[in-house]
């Protein structure tokens, strides 16, 4: 069996992401993706067995892009607390800067729950970066958490809930155009709970 052409795979993902910026996942078929990618409908199945796998791979690409952003932002902090805050704010900022992609990745694309545990783990790349930072802060006596993985998971889920409510205008109307102020409150509550109200 011949190996998939990585250049064609990149084109397929690029063109599919463009389609996803205009349509919901259920409105897009493999034939349309193939036509947009300038390959045959038959040939596309050499690269992806179905559109869910393709969408999930695009979702994973977006998560790695987001993780790079928050990792780079974290490195700019002088203390572990500021590194963690920088990473959280970078997550928030990426979502507000890329609302369509954020909504697709977090809620629009079907979760990959029928793949290997190793692949599922990849979808938690941002959580693991946060968990690593928090564990180091705990190790140095700066933060307290009996379950860093759970606390970071709650952070990510809770912060996304705040972001989503602003993007979909489900928050208080006063904050429809003030997403940072809305999410800053949640971030501060989480930071203070982990760093025991330390305002430094």
Protein backbone atom coordinates (compact mmCIF):
# COMPACT_ATOMS: atom_id res chain seq x y z
CA UNK A 1 0.00 0.00 0.00
CA UNK A 2 1.43 3.38 -0.99
CA UNK A 3 2.03 5.99 1.64
CA UNK A 4 -0.25 9.04 1.73
CA UNK A 5 1.22 12.17 0.14
CA UNK A 6 1.75 14.64 3.01
CA UNK A 7 1.50 17.62 0.67
CA UNK A 8 -1.93 16.49 -0.54
CA UNK A 9 -3.00 15.87 3.07
CA UNK A 10 -2.02 19.44 3.92
CA UNK A 11 -4.02 20.77 0.97
CA UNK A 12 -7.06 18.70 1.99
CA UNK A 13 -6.91 20.05 5.55
CA UNK A 14 -6.35 23.62 4.40
CA UNK A 15 -9.29 23.54 1.97
CA UNK A 16 -11.51 21.77 4.50
CA UNK A 17 -10.76 24.39 7.15
CA UNK A 18 -11.77 27.05 4.63
CA UNK A 19 -15.08 25.21 4.12
CA UNK A 20 -15.56 24.95 7.88
CA UNK A 21 -15.21 28.72 8.15
CA UNK A 22 -18.29 29.03 5.93
CA UNK A 23 -20.41 25.98 6.74
CA UNK A 24 -21.22 23.71 9.67
CA UNK A 25 -19.60 20.25 9.65
CA UNK A 26 -22.87 18.46 8.83
CA UNK A 27 -23.30 20.62 5.71
CA UNK A 28 -20.00 19.46 4.21
CA UNK A 29 -19.56 16.16 2.37
CA UNK A 30 -16.47 14.29 1.25
CA UNK A 31 -17.25 14.96 -2.43
CA UNK A 32 -17.24 18.71 -1.82
CA UNK A 33 -13.98 18.45 0.11
CA UNK A 34 -12.41 16.43 -2.71
CA UNK A 35 -13.59 18.90 -5.36
CA UNK A 36 -12.29 21.87 -3.37
CA UNK A 37 -8.96 20.06 -2.87
CA UNK A 38 -8.82 19.27 -6.62
CA UNK A 39 -8.62 15.50 -6.13
CA UNK A 40 -11.10 12.76 -7.00
CA UNK A 41 -13.82 11.70 -4.60
CA UNK A 42 -12.32 8.20 -4.66
CA UNK A 43 -8.80 9.43 -3.94
CA UNK A 44 -9.75 11.35 -0.80
CA UNK A 45 -10.59 8.08 0.94
CA UNK A 46 -6.94 7.09 0.57
CA UNK A 47 -6.22 9.86 3.07
CA UNK A 48 -9.27 9.87 5.34
CA UNK A 49 -11.80 7.09 5.91
CA UNK A 50 -14.56 9.61 6.59
CA UNK A 51 -15.13 13.30 7.18
CA UNK A 52 -15.25 12.89 10.98
CA UNK A 53 -11.62 11.69 10.99
CA UNK A 54 -10.62 14.62 8.77
CA UNK A 55 -12.44 17.15 10.94
CA UNK A 56 -10.91 15.65 14.08
CA UNK A 57 -7.41 15.97 12.62
CA UNK A 58 -8.09 19.62 11.81
CA UNK A 59 -9.36 20.09 15.35
CA UNK A 60 -6.14 18.59 16.68
CA UNK A 61 -4.08 20.92 14.46
CA UNK A 62 -5.95 23.88 15.95
CA UNK A 63 -5.32 22.62 19.48
CA UNK A 64 -1.59 22.30 18.81
CA UNK A 65 -1.57 25.83 17.40
CA UNK A 66 -3.35 27.03 20.54
CA UNK A 67 -0.94 25.11 22.76
CA UNK A 68 2.05 26.72 21.04
CA UNK A 69 0.51 30.12 21.69
CA UNK A 70 -0.10 29.52 25.38
CA UNK A 71 3.32 27.86 25.87
CA UNK A 72 5.09 30.84 24.31
CA UNK A 73 3.04 33.25 26.41
CA UNK A 74 3.80 31.30 29.58
CA UNK A 75 7.55 31.58 28.95
CA UNK A 76 7.29 35.37 29.18
CA UNK A 77 6.23 35.21 32.83
CA UNK A 78 8.86 35.89 35.50
CA UNK A 79 7.19 33.69 38.13
CA UNK A 80 5.25 30.45 37.83
CA UNK A 81 2.09 32.27 38.87
CA UNK A 82 2.55 34.83 36.07
CA UNK A 83 3.41 32.02 33.64
CA UNK A 84 0.15 30.26 34.50
CA UNK A 85 -1.84 33.50 34.20
CA UNK A 86 -0.18 34.27 30.86
CA UNK A 87 -1.07 30.80 29.55
CA UNK A 88 -4.69 31.15 30.67
CA UNK A 89 -5.01 34.58 29.05
CA UNK A 90 -3.39 33.28 25.84
CA UNK A 91 -6.01 30.51 25.69
CA UNK A 92 -8.76 33.10 26.15
CA UNK A 93 -7.26 35.53 23.63
CA UNK A 94 -6.84 32.85 20.94
CA UNK A 95 -10.50 31.89 21.29
CA UNK A 96 -11.69 35.48 20.98
CA UNK A 97 -9.39 36.12 18.02
CA UNK A 98 -10.53 32.92 16.28
CA UNK A 99 -14.18 32.59 17.34
CA UNK A 100 -15.30 30.36 14.48
CA UNK A 101 -12.40 27.94 14.91
CA UNK A 102 -12.79 27.95 18.69
CA UNK A 103 -16.50 27.10 18.46
CA UNK A 104 -15.80 24.34 15.94
CA UNK A 105 -13.01 22.77 17.99
CA UNK A 106 -14.78 23.01 21.33
CA UNK A 107 -18.32 22.11 20.31
CA UNK A 108 -18.90 21.80 16.56
CA UNK A 109 -16.65 18.90 15.63
CA UNK A 110 -17.60 15.42 16.81
CA UNK A 111 -15.37 14.20 19.63
CA UNK A 112 -12.89 11.46 18.81
CA UNK A 113 -14.12 8.93 21.36
CA UNK A 114 -13.68 5.82 19.24
CA UNK A 115 -9.93 6.04 18.62
CA UNK A 116 -6.90 4.85 20.56
CA UNK A 117 -6.28 6.19 24.08
CA UNK A 118 -3.00 7.63 22.78
CA UNK A 119 -4.82 9.73 20.17
CA UNK A 120 -7.49 10.83 22.64
CA UNK A 121 -4.69 12.02 24.94
CA UNK A 122 -3.43 14.32 22.20
CA UNK A 123 -6.67 16.29 22.38
CA UNK A 124 -5.72 17.31 25.93
CA UNK A 125 -2.41 18.90 24.93
CA UNK A 126 -3.38 22.32 26.35
CA UNK A 127 -4.59 20.74 29.60
CA UNK A 128 -1.30 18.90 29.99
CA UNK A 129 0.70 22.10 29.49
CA UNK A 130 -1.35 23.76 32.22
CA UNK A 131 -1.05 20.72 34.45
CA UNK A 132 2.74 20.73 34.09
CA UNK A 133 2.93 24.40 35.08
CA UNK A 134 0.63 23.89 38.05
CA UNK A 135 2.55 20.86 39.30
CA UNK A 136 5.77 22.87 39.22
CA UNK A 137 4.11 25.71 41.16
CA UNK A 138 2.90 23.16 43.75
CA UNK A 139 6.36 21.62 43.94
CA UNK A 140 7.85 25.04 44.69
CA UNK A 141 5.24 25.71 47.38
CA UNK A 142 3.60 28.54 45.47
CA UNK A 143 0.26 26.86 44.79
CA UNK A 144 -1.99 24.24 46.39
CA UNK A 145 -3.99 21.55 44.65
CA UNK A 146 -4.70 17.97 45.70
CA UNK A 147 -5.58 17.12 42.10
CA UNK A 148 -3.80 19.32 39.50
CA UNK A 149 -5.32 17.46 36.54
CA UNK A 150 -8.85 18.01 37.85
CA UNK A 151 -8.22 21.66 38.72
CA UNK A 152 -6.79 22.41 35.28
CA UNK A 153 -9.67 20.55 33.63
CA UNK A 154 -12.16 22.66 35.61
CA UNK A 155 -10.24 25.78 34.59
CA UNK A 156 -10.33 24.92 30.89
CA UNK A 157 -14.00 23.84 30.93
CA UNK A 158 -15.11 26.79 33.04
CA UNK A 159 -13.16 29.35 31.05
CA UNK A 160 -14.48 27.94 27.79
CA UNK A 161 -18.00 28.19 29.20
CA UNK A 162 -17.42 31.90 29.87
CA UNK A 163 -15.89 32.44 26.42
CA UNK A 164 -18.71 30.56 24.70
CA UNK A 165 -21.38 32.55 26.52
CA UNK A 166 -19.80 35.79 25.26
CA UNK A 167 -19.35 34.51 21.68
CA UNK A 168 -22.95 33.28 21.53
CA UNK A 169 -24.27 36.33 23.40
CA UNK A 170 -25.59 34.23 26.26
CA UNK A 171 -23.75 36.19 28.93
CA UNK A 172 -25.17 39.35 30.48
CA UNK A 173 -25.66 41.83 27.60
CA UNK A 174 -23.30 44.29 29.32
CA UNK A 175 -20.44 41.91 28.45
CA UNK A 176 -21.28 40.98 24.84
CA UNK A 177 -18.55 43.38 23.71
CA UNK A 178 -16.42 43.07 26.85
CA UNK A 179 -15.27 39.46 26.74
CA UNK A 180 -11.97 40.13 28.49
CA UNK A 181 -13.64 41.80 31.47
CA UNK A 182 -16.12 38.92 31.72
CA UNK A 183 -13.48 36.21 31.58
CA UNK A 184 -10.99 38.11 33.75
CA UNK A 185 -13.36 37.61 36.67
CA UNK A 186 -13.40 33.83 36.22
CA UNK A 187 -9.61 33.71 35.76
CA UNK A 188 -9.09 35.73 38.96
CA UNK A 189 -11.40 33.43 40.93
CA UNK A 190 -9.50 30.34 39.75
CA UNK A 191 -6.05 31.87 40.32
CA UNK A 192 -7.00 33.00 43.83
CA UNK A 193 -8.39 29.57 44.71
CA UNK A 194 -5.14 27.89 43.68
CA UNK A 195 -2.77 30.54 45.02
CA UNK A 196 -4.86 31.10 48.16
CA UNK A 197 -5.86 34.68 47.44
CA UNK A 198 -2.29 35.85 46.88
CA UNK A 199 -2.60 39.14 44.97
CA UNK A 200 1.11 39.43 44.12
